[in-house]
Amino acid sequence: MMGQCDSRFSSRGHLTRTTIIIMPSTLKLNAVAFISPQNHPILIRTFSKQDENTIKYHYIAHTSLDIIEERANMTGKLGDCYLGLLYSMEDVAVYGYITPLKVKIVLALALSDAVVKDVEVIMLFKAMHMAYYSAISNPFLRLESSMDSSIDQSPHILVGSPKWKNFRKRVDEIARTLGTS
């Protein structure tokens, strides 16, 4: 079944309704990573049943950054957020997406014999992007700067804090709707 996205925007461009996504069941999501424009991990969420694979997905997220930067520089100002298949490793295929504000989203999908359609992956990225956008659009959540301001002036999002639980829940809902491995 093909996914559907129902979102409405007000005349000012603000999201006025929650996005509803129905995802196809051919994809198996193993992990998702949100990475800041300064290449700091915002959220790395794993959906595999084995806890020992958690470090593997951190490694995958960090190794994909060079490829994302290279592809983003090649596309220039074309505005295409979807970067396609970055690489495959062992039992996962890694896909990349970069938002207009340079937040990088990395998906690790389980390799299978089924054909993976770009349209399905793009829908998944857009759902993840909307979850992130909705979270940072909340005026009551605070972006906190790093403790050592001499090293980095960029804000670090404290996604692990209880205030960000709705963002984590939304990412988990998207993964559950898709069907995790």
Protein backbone atom coordinates (compact mmCIF):
# COMPACT_ATOMS: atom_id res chain seq x y z
CA MET A 1 0.00 0.00 0.00
CA MET A 2 1.35 3.41 -0.91
CA GLY A 3 1.72 6.01 1.82
CA GLN A 4 -0.47 9.05 2.14
CA CYS A 5 0.45 12.34 3.67
CA ASP A 6 -2.29 14.62 4.95
CA SER A 7 -0.99 17.91 6.24
CA ARG A 8 -2.59 21.30 6.08
CA PHE A 9 -0.88 24.65 6.29
CA SER A 10 -2.39 27.95 7.33
CA SER A 11 -2.05 31.06 5.20
CA ARG A 12 1.16 31.84 7.12
CA GLY A 13 2.68 28.46 6.32
CA HIS A 14 2.28 26.94 9.79
CA LEU A 15 1.35 23.30 10.16
CA THR A 16 -2.22 23.13 11.39
CA ARG A 17 -2.80 19.39 11.36
CA THR A 18 -0.79 16.30 12.20
CA THR A 19 0.67 14.36 9.29
CA ILE A 20 -0.82 10.90 8.84
CA ILE A 21 1.39 8.37 7.12
CA ILE A 22 0.53 4.89 5.90
CA MET A 23 3.80 3.23 5.02
CA PRO A 24 4.40 0.25 2.75
CA SER A 25 5.41 -2.94 4.50
CA THR A 26 8.31 -3.93 2.21
CA LEU A 27 10.85 -1.77 4.07
CA LYS A 28 12.38 -2.81 7.38
CA LEU A 29 13.84 0.06 9.39
CA ASN A 30 16.81 -0.87 11.58
CA ALA A 31 17.85 2.62 12.69
CA VAL A 32 17.42 6.33 12.12
CA ALA A 33 19.86 9.12 12.95
CA PHE A 34 19.31 12.87 13.08
CA ILE A 35 22.57 14.81 12.86
CA SER A 36 23.00 18.56 13.35
CA PRO A 37 24.57 20.89 10.75
CA GLN A 38 27.73 20.80 12.91
CA ASN A 39 27.74 16.98 12.68
CA HIS A 40 26.67 16.42 16.29
CA PRO A 41 24.23 13.54 16.77
CA ILE A 42 20.80 14.84 17.71
CA LEU A 43 19.09 11.45 17.98
CA ILE A 44 20.19 7.96 16.98
CA ARG A 45 17.36 5.49 17.42
CA THR A 46 17.80 1.77 16.78
CA PHE A 47 14.95 -0.64 16.17
CA SER A 48 16.81 -3.94 15.98
CA LYS A 49 16.16 -6.55 18.63
CA GLN A 50 19.83 -6.98 19.54
CA ASP A 51 21.33 -4.37 21.85
CA GLU A 52 24.87 -5.14 20.71
CA ASN A 53 24.03 -3.60 17.31
CA THR A 54 23.49 -0.15 18.83
CA ILE A 55 27.15 0.84 18.41
CA LYS A 56 27.03 -0.43 14.83
CA TYR A 57 24.33 2.11 13.96
CA HIS A 58 26.28 4.92 15.62
CA TYR A 59 29.19 3.93 13.39
CA ILE A 60 26.95 3.85 10.31
CA ALA A 61 25.59 7.32 11.09
CA HIS A 62 29.06 8.80 11.48
CA THR A 63 30.56 7.11 8.42
CA SER A 64 27.72 8.37 6.26
CA LEU A 65 28.54 12.01 7.03
CA ASP A 66 31.40 12.22 4.51
CA ILE A 67 29.22 10.82 1.74
CA ILE A 68 26.38 13.18 2.64
CA GLU A 69 28.71 16.20 2.54
CA GLU A 70 30.14 15.09 -0.80
CA ARG A 71 26.70 14.61 -2.37
CA ALA A 72 25.37 17.84 -0.92
CA ASN A 73 28.30 19.72 -2.44
CA MET A 74 27.76 18.01 -5.82
CA THR A 75 24.06 18.88 -5.99
CA GLY A 76 24.82 22.46 -5.00
CA LYS A 77 21.75 24.63 -4.82
CA LEU A 78 19.42 22.31 -6.72
CA GLY A 79 17.39 21.88 -3.56
CA ASP A 80 16.94 18.11 -3.68
CA CYS A 81 16.90 16.92 -0.08
CA TYR A 82 16.95 13.20 -0.90
CA LEU A 83 20.48 11.95 -1.44
CA GLY A 84 19.58 8.36 -2.28
CA LEU A 85 21.46 5.21 -1.37
CA LEU A 86 24.71 6.19 0.31
CA TYR A 87 26.17 2.71 0.66
CA SER A 88 25.34 -0.80 1.76
CA MET A 89 27.19 -2.65 4.48
CA GLU A 90 26.72 -6.23 5.67
CA ASP A 91 22.96 -6.49 6.17
CA VAL A 92 21.88 -2.83 5.86
CA ALA A 93 21.39 -0.26 3.13
CA VAL A 94 22.10 3.31 4.23
CA TYR A 95 20.11 6.21 2.76
CA GLY A 96 20.63 9.93 3.27
CA TYR A 97 18.54 13.09 3.40
CA ILE A 98 19.55 16.66 4.19
CA THR A 99 17.02 19.30 5.21
CA PRO A 100 17.14 22.89 3.97
CA LEU A 101 18.64 23.84 7.36
CA LYS A 102 21.40 21.21 6.88
CA VAL A 103 20.12 18.72 9.45
CA LYS A 104 21.06 15.28 8.16
CA ILE A 105 18.77 12.26 8.45
CA VAL A 106 20.28 8.82 7.93
CA LEU A 107 18.19 5.67 7.59
CA ALA A 108 19.54 2.14 7.91
CA LEU A 109 17.18 -0.26 6.16
CA ALA A 110 17.51 -4.02 6.28
CA LEU A 111 18.73 -5.51 3.00
CA SER A 112 16.19 -7.77 1.37
CA ASP A 113 15.42 -9.36 -1.97
CA ALA A 114 12.54 -6.95 -2.54
CA VAL A 115 13.02 -3.90 -4.73
CA VAL A 116 13.25 -0.70 -2.71
CA LYS A 117 11.48 2.15 -4.48
CA ASP A 118 12.87 5.63 -4.02
CA VAL A 119 9.32 6.94 -3.58
CA GLU A 120 8.86 4.77 -0.48
CA VAL A 121 12.17 5.89 1.02
CA ILE A 122 11.42 9.54 0.25
CA MET A 123 8.04 9.23 2.04
CA LEU A 124 9.81 7.79 5.06
CA PHE A 125 12.33 10.63 5.07
CA LYS A 126 9.58 13.23 4.78
CA ALA A 127 7.73 11.67 7.71
CA MET A 128 10.93 11.77 9.80
CA HIS A 129 11.59 15.35 8.69
CA MET A 130 8.06 16.40 9.70
CA ALA A 131 8.49 14.76 13.11
CA TYR A 132 11.70 16.75 13.64
CA TYR A 133 10.15 19.94 12.29
CA SER A 134 7.16 19.60 14.61
CA ALA A 135 9.45 19.08 17.58
CA ILE A 136 11.66 22.10 16.97
CA SER A 137 8.64 24.27 16.15
CA ASN A 138 7.42 23.91 19.73
CA PRO A 139 8.12 27.30 21.34
CA PHE A 140 8.28 25.77 24.83
CA LEU A 141 11.21 23.49 24.09
CA ARG A 142 14.60 25.00 24.65
CA LEU A 143 17.71 24.62 22.55
CA GLU A 144 20.59 24.60 24.99
CA SER A 145 24.11 25.63 24.06
CA SER A 146 27.15 23.53 24.89
CA MET A 147 28.78 23.78 28.28
CA ASP A 148 32.13 24.87 26.84
CA SER A 149 31.15 27.83 24.66
CA SER A 150 34.75 28.39 23.50
CA ILE A 151 34.68 25.15 21.50
CA ASP A 152 31.33 25.38 19.76
CA GLN A 153 28.72 28.14 19.70
CA SER A 154 26.07 25.94 18.08
CA PRO A 155 23.03 24.86 20.07
CA HIS A 156 22.82 21.24 21.16
CA ILE A 157 19.36 19.81 21.28
CA LEU A 158 18.85 17.76 24.38
CA VAL A 159 16.66 15.12 22.78
CA GLY A 160 17.32 12.78 25.68
CA SER A 161 15.50 15.11 28.06
CA PRO A 162 11.92 14.33 29.07
CA LYS A 163 10.64 17.39 27.19
CA TRP A 164 11.63 15.77 23.89
CA LYS A 165 9.72 12.54 24.52
CA ASN A 166 7.05 13.45 21.93
CA PHE A 167 9.71 13.64 19.23
CA ARG A 168 11.09 10.24 20.22
CA LYS A 169 7.55 8.85 20.36
CA ARG A 170 6.77 10.18 16.88
CA VAL A 171 9.94 8.60 15.46
CA ASP A 172 8.98 5.33 17.13
CA GLU A 173 5.44 5.55 15.71
CA ILE A 174 6.78 6.04 12.21
CA ALA A 175 9.08 3.06 12.64
CA ARG A 176 6.28 0.93 14.07
CA THR A 177 3.94 1.91 11.20
CA LEU A 178 6.64 0.98 8.72
CA GLY A 179 7.46 -2.29 10.42
CA THR A 180 10.81 -2.68 12.12
CA SER A 181 13.11 -5.66 11.83
